[in-house]
């Protein structure tokens, strides 16, 4: 029976082994999350700006992006007491009153889900060039 031997010598160098790829991927995902969240914040503020008839700046200044406890970022109104009412999810909305809410956050969520892949694609070139 014939026999044979295989010897392999491997020198592993490059972005996959020295940590550059992992860092770039972590930075990329963090940046995509942040950019998507800031875009969603802008959508919420635009919706509120066109919907609210008698604007007072307090609520709009409370809307912002913050790091989520679950990882990533989220757009929040930082717990403003009447935020649920303005969104239309409070107990005092329709049918108790005629006001159905502005639905700024829910509409922004629907729009940002269609825009997020484009945001991620635009940022990808910057991070693939780092490797």
N, C-alpha and C. Protein backbone atom coordinates (compact mmCIF):
# COMPACT_ATOMS: atom_id res chain seq x y z
N UNK A 1 0.82 -1.17 0.00
CA UNK A 1 0.00 0.00 0.00
C UNK A 1 0.87 1.24 0.00
N UNK A 2 0.61 2.15 -0.89
CA UNK A 2 1.38 3.40 -0.89
C UNK A 2 0.95 4.29 0.28
N UNK A 3 1.88 5.00 0.80
CA UNK A 3 1.57 5.95 1.86
C UNK A 3 2.17 7.30 1.49
N UNK A 4 1.62 8.31 2.09
CA UNK A 4 2.16 9.64 1.83
C UNK A 4 2.00 10.49 3.08
N UNK A 5 2.75 11.55 3.14
CA UNK A 5 2.71 12.49 4.25
C UNK A 5 2.46 13.89 3.71
N UNK A 6 1.75 14.64 4.52
CA UNK A 6 1.50 16.04 4.17
C UNK A 6 1.98 16.88 5.33
N UNK A 7 2.80 17.84 5.00
CA UNK A 7 3.25 18.80 6.00
C UNK A 7 2.76 20.18 5.58
N UNK A 8 2.22 20.88 6.57
CA UNK A 8 1.72 22.22 6.30
C UNK A 8 2.33 23.17 7.32
N UNK A 9 2.94 24.21 6.85
CA UNK A 9 3.44 25.29 7.70
C UNK A 9 2.61 26.53 7.40
N UNK A 10 2.05 27.07 8.45
CA UNK A 10 1.19 28.22 8.27
C UNK A 10 1.72 29.39 9.08
N UNK A 11 1.87 30.50 8.43
CA UNK A 11 2.17 31.76 9.10
C UNK A 11 0.92 32.63 8.94
N UNK A 12 0.30 32.87 10.03
CA UNK A 12 -0.94 33.65 9.93
C UNK A 12 -0.66 35.10 10.33
N UNK A 13 -0.82 35.96 9.35
CA UNK A 13 -0.69 37.39 9.53
C UNK A 13 -1.82 38.05 8.77
N UNK A 14 -2.20 39.20 9.23
CA UNK A 14 -3.23 39.94 8.52
C UNK A 14 -4.33 40.39 9.45
N UNK A 15 -5.34 40.99 8.86
CA UNK A 15 -6.39 41.59 9.67
C UNK A 15 -7.25 40.59 10.45
N UNK A 16 -7.35 39.37 9.96
CA UNK A 16 -8.18 38.39 10.66
C UNK A 16 -7.49 37.88 11.92
N UNK A 17 -6.20 37.84 11.93
CA UNK A 17 -5.51 37.27 13.09
C UNK A 17 -5.00 38.32 14.07
N UNK A 18 -4.73 39.52 13.61
CA UNK A 18 -4.20 40.52 14.55
C UNK A 18 -5.29 41.40 15.19
N UNK A 19 -6.55 41.14 14.89
CA UNK A 19 -7.63 41.85 15.56
C UNK A 19 -8.19 43.04 14.81
N UNK A 20 -7.57 43.42 13.70
CA UNK A 20 -8.06 44.58 12.95
C UNK A 20 -9.46 44.35 12.40
N UNK A 21 -9.72 43.16 11.92
CA UNK A 21 -11.04 42.86 11.34
C UNK A 21 -12.12 42.91 12.41
N UNK A 22 -11.83 42.36 13.58
CA UNK A 22 -12.81 42.36 14.66
C UNK A 22 -13.10 43.80 15.12
N UNK A 23 -12.04 44.60 15.24
CA UNK A 23 -12.24 46.00 15.65
C UNK A 23 -13.04 46.77 14.60
N UNK A 24 -12.71 46.55 13.34
CA UNK A 24 -13.41 47.25 12.26
C UNK A 24 -14.89 46.84 12.24
N UNK A 25 -15.16 45.56 12.44
CA UNK A 25 -16.55 45.10 12.46
C UNK A 25 -17.31 45.67 13.65
N UNK A 26 -16.69 45.71 14.80
CA UNK A 26 -17.33 46.28 15.99
C UNK A 26 -17.60 47.77 15.79
N UNK A 27 -16.61 48.50 15.27
CA UNK A 27 -16.78 49.93 15.02
C UNK A 27 -17.86 50.18 13.96
N UNK A 28 -17.87 49.35 12.94
CA UNK A 28 -18.85 49.49 11.86
C UNK A 28 -20.27 49.29 12.38
N UNK A 29 -20.50 48.23 13.13
CA UNK A 29 -21.86 47.97 13.63
C UNK A 29 -22.30 49.08 14.60
N UNK A 30 -21.38 49.56 15.42
CA UNK A 30 -21.72 50.64 16.33
C UNK A 30 -22.08 51.91 15.56
N UNK A 31 -21.30 52.21 14.54
CA UNK A 31 -21.55 53.41 13.75
C UNK A 31 -22.85 53.30 12.96
N UNK A 32 -23.14 52.12 12.42
CA UNK A 32 -24.40 51.92 11.70
C UNK A 32 -25.58 52.10 12.65
N UNK A 33 -25.49 51.50 13.84
CA UNK A 33 -26.56 51.66 14.83
C UNK A 33 -26.77 53.13 15.17
N UNK A 34 -25.68 53.86 15.38
CA UNK A 34 -25.79 55.27 15.73
C UNK A 34 -26.37 56.10 14.59
N UNK A 35 -25.91 55.87 13.38
CA UNK A 35 -26.42 56.63 12.23
C UNK A 35 -27.89 56.35 11.97
N UNK A 36 -28.29 55.10 12.11
CA UNK A 36 -29.71 54.75 11.93
C UNK A 36 -30.55 55.43 13.01
N UNK A 37 -30.06 55.43 14.24
CA UNK A 37 -30.80 56.07 15.33
C UNK A 37 -30.90 57.58 15.13
N UNK A 38 -29.84 58.23 14.68
CA UNK A 38 -29.92 59.68 14.46
C UNK A 38 -30.84 60.01 13.29
N UNK A 39 -30.84 59.16 12.29
CA UNK A 39 -31.78 59.36 11.18
C UNK A 39 -33.22 59.20 11.66
N UNK A 40 -33.46 58.21 12.53
CA UNK A 40 -34.80 58.02 13.10
C UNK A 40 -35.20 59.21 13.96
N UNK A 41 -34.25 59.74 14.71
CA UNK A 41 -34.52 60.93 15.52
C UNK A 41 -34.95 62.10 14.63
N UNK A 42 -34.27 62.29 13.52
CA UNK A 42 -34.63 63.36 12.59
C UNK A 42 -36.03 63.15 12.01
N UNK A 43 -36.38 61.89 11.72
CA UNK A 43 -37.71 61.59 11.21
C UNK A 43 -38.79 61.91 12.25
N UNK A 44 -38.52 61.56 13.51
CA UNK A 44 -39.48 61.86 14.59
C UNK A 44 -39.65 63.36 14.72
N UNK A 45 -38.56 64.09 14.75
CA UNK A 45 -38.64 65.55 14.92
C UNK A 45 -39.31 66.22 13.73
N UNK A 46 -39.07 65.71 12.53
CA UNK A 46 -39.75 66.26 11.35
C UNK A 46 -41.25 66.04 11.45
N UNK A 47 -41.64 64.84 11.85
CA UNK A 47 -43.07 64.53 11.99
C UNK A 47 -43.72 65.40 13.05
N UNK A 48 -43.05 65.55 14.18
CA UNK A 48 -43.60 66.40 15.24
C UNK A 48 -43.69 67.85 14.78
N UNK A 49 -42.68 68.30 14.05
CA UNK A 49 -42.67 69.68 13.58
C UNK A 49 -43.79 70.00 12.62
N UNK A 50 -44.19 69.03 11.82
CA UNK A 50 -45.29 69.27 10.88
C UNK A 50 -46.65 68.99 11.50
N UNK A 51 -46.71 68.23 12.59
CA UNK A 51 -47.99 67.83 13.17
C UNK A 51 -48.48 68.76 14.28
N UNK A 52 -47.58 69.18 15.14
CA UNK A 52 -47.99 69.96 16.31
C UNK A 52 -48.35 71.38 15.87
N UNK A 53 -49.57 71.79 16.20
CA UNK A 53 -50.04 73.11 15.77
C UNK A 53 -49.45 74.24 16.61
N UNK A 54 -49.51 74.09 17.92
CA UNK A 54 -48.95 75.10 18.83
C UNK A 54 -47.69 74.52 19.46
N UNK A 55 -46.59 74.73 18.79
CA UNK A 55 -45.34 74.10 19.22
C UNK A 55 -44.77 74.80 20.44
N UNK A 56 -44.39 73.98 21.40
CA UNK A 56 -43.57 74.43 22.52
C UNK A 56 -42.31 73.60 22.47
N UNK A 57 -41.18 74.16 22.73
CA UNK A 57 -39.93 73.43 22.48
C UNK A 57 -39.62 72.32 23.48
N UNK A 58 -40.32 72.24 24.60
CA UNK A 58 -39.91 71.29 25.63
C UNK A 58 -39.88 69.86 25.13
N UNK A 59 -40.97 69.38 24.57
CA UNK A 59 -41.03 67.98 24.17
C UNK A 59 -40.00 67.68 23.08
N UNK A 60 -39.87 68.55 22.12
CA UNK A 60 -38.93 68.32 21.03
C UNK A 60 -37.49 68.32 21.51
N UNK A 61 -37.18 69.08 22.55
CA UNK A 61 -35.81 69.07 23.07
C UNK A 61 -35.53 67.81 23.89
N UNK A 62 -36.56 67.12 24.34
CA UNK A 62 -36.39 65.89 25.11
C UNK A 62 -36.20 64.67 24.21
N UNK A 63 -36.57 64.76 22.94
CA UNK A 63 -36.39 63.64 22.01
C UNK A 63 -34.93 63.57 21.64
N UNK A 64 -34.34 62.39 21.80
CA UNK A 64 -32.92 62.25 21.48
C UNK A 64 -32.50 60.80 21.39
N UNK A 65 -31.26 60.61 21.04
CA UNK A 65 -30.66 59.28 20.90
C UNK A 65 -29.84 58.99 22.15
N UNK A 66 -30.00 57.80 22.69
CA UNK A 66 -29.16 57.38 23.81
C UNK A 66 -28.82 55.90 23.65
N UNK A 67 -27.75 55.51 24.31
CA UNK A 67 -27.32 54.12 24.24
C UNK A 67 -28.32 53.26 25.01
N UNK A 68 -28.72 52.17 24.39
CA UNK A 68 -29.71 51.29 24.98
C UNK A 68 -29.06 50.32 25.96
N UNK A 69 -29.81 49.89 26.95
CA UNK A 69 -29.30 48.91 27.90
C UNK A 69 -29.17 47.54 27.24
N UNK A 70 -29.86 47.32 26.13
CA UNK A 70 -29.79 46.05 25.40
C UNK A 70 -28.72 46.06 24.33
N UNK A 71 -27.95 47.13 24.25
CA UNK A 71 -26.94 47.26 23.21
C UNK A 71 -27.48 48.10 22.07
N UNK A 72 -26.63 48.82 21.41
CA UNK A 72 -27.07 49.68 20.33
C UNK A 72 -27.60 51.00 20.86
N UNK A 73 -28.40 51.66 20.04
CA UNK A 73 -28.93 52.97 20.38
C UNK A 73 -30.44 52.96 20.21
N UNK A 74 -31.11 53.90 20.88
CA UNK A 74 -32.55 54.03 20.73
C UNK A 74 -32.94 55.50 20.76
N UNK A 75 -34.05 55.80 20.12
CA UNK A 75 -34.59 57.15 20.13
C UNK A 75 -35.66 57.17 21.22
N UNK A 76 -35.56 58.15 22.10
CA UNK A 76 -36.46 58.21 23.25
C UNK A 76 -36.85 59.65 23.54
N UNK A 77 -37.94 59.80 24.27
CA UNK A 77 -38.34 61.13 24.73
C UNK A 77 -37.95 61.33 26.19
N UNK A 78 -37.10 60.46 26.70
CA UNK A 78 -36.56 60.51 28.05
C UNK A 78 -37.65 60.55 29.12
N UNK A 79 -38.74 59.84 28.86
CA UNK A 79 -39.78 59.67 29.87
C UNK A 79 -40.67 60.86 30.13
N UNK A 80 -40.86 61.72 29.15
CA UNK A 80 -41.77 62.85 29.33
C UNK A 80 -43.15 62.29 29.65
N UNK A 81 -43.80 62.82 30.65
CA UNK A 81 -45.03 62.26 31.19
C UNK A 81 -46.15 62.18 30.16
N UNK A 82 -46.22 63.13 29.25
CA UNK A 82 -47.31 63.11 28.26
C UNK A 82 -46.85 62.55 26.91
N UNK A 83 -45.70 61.91 26.87
CA UNK A 83 -45.19 61.34 25.63
C UNK A 83 -46.08 60.26 25.03
N UNK A 84 -46.63 59.40 25.89
CA UNK A 84 -47.53 58.34 25.40
C UNK A 84 -48.79 58.95 24.78
N UNK A 85 -49.26 60.03 25.37
CA UNK A 85 -50.46 60.69 24.85
C UNK A 85 -50.18 61.29 23.47
N UNK A 86 -49.02 61.96 23.32
CA UNK A 86 -48.67 62.53 22.02
C UNK A 86 -48.47 61.45 20.97
N UNK A 87 -47.92 60.31 21.37
CA UNK A 87 -47.71 59.21 20.43
C UNK A 87 -49.03 58.54 20.06
N UNK A 88 -50.00 58.58 20.96
CA UNK A 88 -51.29 57.96 20.69
C UNK A 88 -51.44 56.60 21.35
N UNK A 89 -50.54 56.27 22.26
CA UNK A 89 -50.59 54.98 22.94
C UNK A 89 -51.03 55.10 24.39
N UNK A 90 -51.40 56.27 24.81
CA UNK A 90 -51.80 56.50 26.20
C UNK A 90 -53.24 56.08 26.46
N UNK A 91 -53.58 55.98 27.73
CA UNK A 91 -54.93 55.59 28.11
C UNK A 91 -55.94 56.71 27.89
N UNK A 92 -55.47 57.92 27.69
CA UNK A 92 -56.36 59.07 27.50
C UNK A 92 -56.59 59.41 26.03
N UNK A 93 -56.12 58.58 25.13
CA UNK A 93 -56.35 58.81 23.71
C UNK A 93 -57.71 58.24 23.31
N UNK A 94 -57.98 58.26 22.03
CA UNK A 94 -59.23 57.75 21.49
C UNK A 94 -59.50 56.36 22.03
N UNK A 95 -60.66 56.02 22.48
CA UNK A 95 -61.96 56.65 22.41
C UNK A 95 -62.29 57.57 23.60
N UNK A 96 -61.41 57.72 24.57
CA UNK A 96 -61.68 58.62 25.70
C UNK A 96 -61.75 60.06 25.20
N UNK A 97 -60.82 60.44 24.35
CA UNK A 97 -60.86 61.76 23.72
C UNK A 97 -60.79 61.57 22.21
N UNK A 98 -60.94 62.64 21.47
CA UNK A 98 -60.87 62.54 20.01
C UNK A 98 -59.44 62.44 19.50
N UNK A 99 -58.48 62.80 20.32
CA UNK A 99 -57.08 62.85 19.88
C UNK A 99 -56.51 61.44 19.74
N UNK A 100 -56.06 61.11 18.56
CA UNK A 100 -55.52 59.78 18.28
C UNK A 100 -54.00 59.73 18.37
N UNK A 101 -53.35 60.85 18.54
CA UNK A 101 -51.90 60.89 18.65
C UNK A 101 -51.24 61.18 17.32
N UNK A 102 -49.98 61.57 17.39
CA UNK A 102 -49.24 61.91 16.18
C UNK A 102 -48.53 60.72 15.56
N UNK A 103 -48.29 59.69 16.32
CA UNK A 103 -47.63 58.46 15.83
C UNK A 103 -46.27 58.77 15.21
N UNK A 104 -45.54 59.72 15.77
CA UNK A 104 -44.24 60.11 15.22
C UNK A 104 -43.22 58.99 15.35
N UNK A 105 -43.19 58.32 16.48
CA UNK A 105 -42.20 57.26 16.68
C UNK A 105 -42.52 56.03 15.85
N UNK A 106 -43.78 55.64 15.79
CA UNK A 106 -44.13 54.44 15.02
C UNK A 106 -43.95 54.66 13.52
N UNK A 107 -44.25 55.85 13.04
CA UNK A 107 -44.03 56.13 11.62
C UNK A 107 -42.54 56.21 11.30
N UNK A 108 -41.77 56.76 12.21
CA UNK A 108 -40.32 56.81 12.00
C UNK A 108 -39.73 55.40 11.98
N UNK A 109 -40.24 54.52 12.83
CA UNK A 109 -39.76 53.13 12.84
C UNK A 109 -40.03 52.46 11.51
N UNK A 110 -41.20 52.67 10.95
CA UNK A 110 -41.54 52.07 9.66
C UNK A 110 -40.65 52.61 8.54
N UNK A 111 -40.39 53.91 8.55
CA UNK A 111 -39.54 54.50 7.52
C UNK A 111 -38.08 54.09 7.67
N UNK A 112 -37.60 54.03 8.90
CA UNK A 112 -36.17 53.75 9.10
C UNK A 112 -35.83 52.32 8.74
N UNK A 113 -36.80 51.42 8.85
CA UNK A 113 -36.54 50.03 8.46
C UNK A 113 -36.27 49.90 6.97
N UNK A 114 -36.84 50.78 6.18
CA UNK A 114 -36.56 50.75 4.74
C UNK A 114 -35.27 51.50 4.40
N UNK A 115 -34.88 52.47 5.22
CA UNK A 115 -33.68 53.27 4.95
C UNK A 115 -32.41 52.68 5.56
N UNK A 116 -32.52 51.83 6.54
CA UNK A 116 -31.34 51.31 7.26
C UNK A 116 -30.36 50.58 6.35
N UNK A 117 -30.80 49.72 5.43
CA UNK A 117 -29.80 49.05 4.57
C UNK A 117 -28.98 50.02 3.74
N UNK A 118 -29.58 51.11 3.27
CA UNK A 118 -28.84 52.11 2.50
C UNK A 118 -27.81 52.83 3.36
N UNK A 119 -28.17 53.12 4.60
CA UNK A 119 -27.23 53.75 5.52
C UNK A 119 -26.05 52.83 5.78
N UNK A 120 -26.33 51.57 6.00
CA UNK A 120 -25.27 50.59 6.25
C UNK A 120 -24.36 50.44 5.03
N UNK A 121 -24.94 50.43 3.84
CA UNK A 121 -24.14 50.31 2.62
C UNK A 121 -23.21 51.50 2.43
N UNK A 122 -23.71 52.70 2.72
CA UNK A 122 -22.88 53.89 2.55
C UNK A 122 -21.69 53.90 3.51
N UNK A 123 -21.88 53.36 4.71
CA UNK A 123 -20.79 53.34 5.69
C UNK A 123 -19.79 52.21 5.46
N UNK A 124 -20.19 51.18 4.74
CA UNK A 124 -19.35 50.00 4.60
C UNK A 124 -18.01 50.29 3.93
N UNK A 125 -17.98 51.14 2.93
CA UNK A 125 -16.74 51.42 2.20
C UNK A 125 -15.66 51.98 3.12
N UNK A 126 -16.05 52.79 4.08
CA UNK A 126 -15.08 53.39 4.99
C UNK A 126 -14.40 52.31 5.85
N UNK A 127 -15.14 51.29 6.22
CA UNK A 127 -14.58 50.27 7.13
C UNK A 127 -13.88 49.14 6.39
N UNK A 128 -14.25 48.87 5.16
CA UNK A 128 -13.52 47.84 4.41
C UNK A 128 -12.15 48.35 3.97
N UNK A 129 -11.99 49.65 3.86
CA UNK A 129 -10.69 50.19 3.48
C UNK A 129 -9.72 50.18 4.64
N UNK A 130 -10.18 49.96 5.88
CA UNK A 130 -9.31 49.94 7.04
C UNK A 130 -8.56 48.62 7.19
N UNK A 131 -8.95 47.62 6.46
CA UNK A 131 -8.31 46.30 6.63
C UNK A 131 -7.19 46.07 5.66
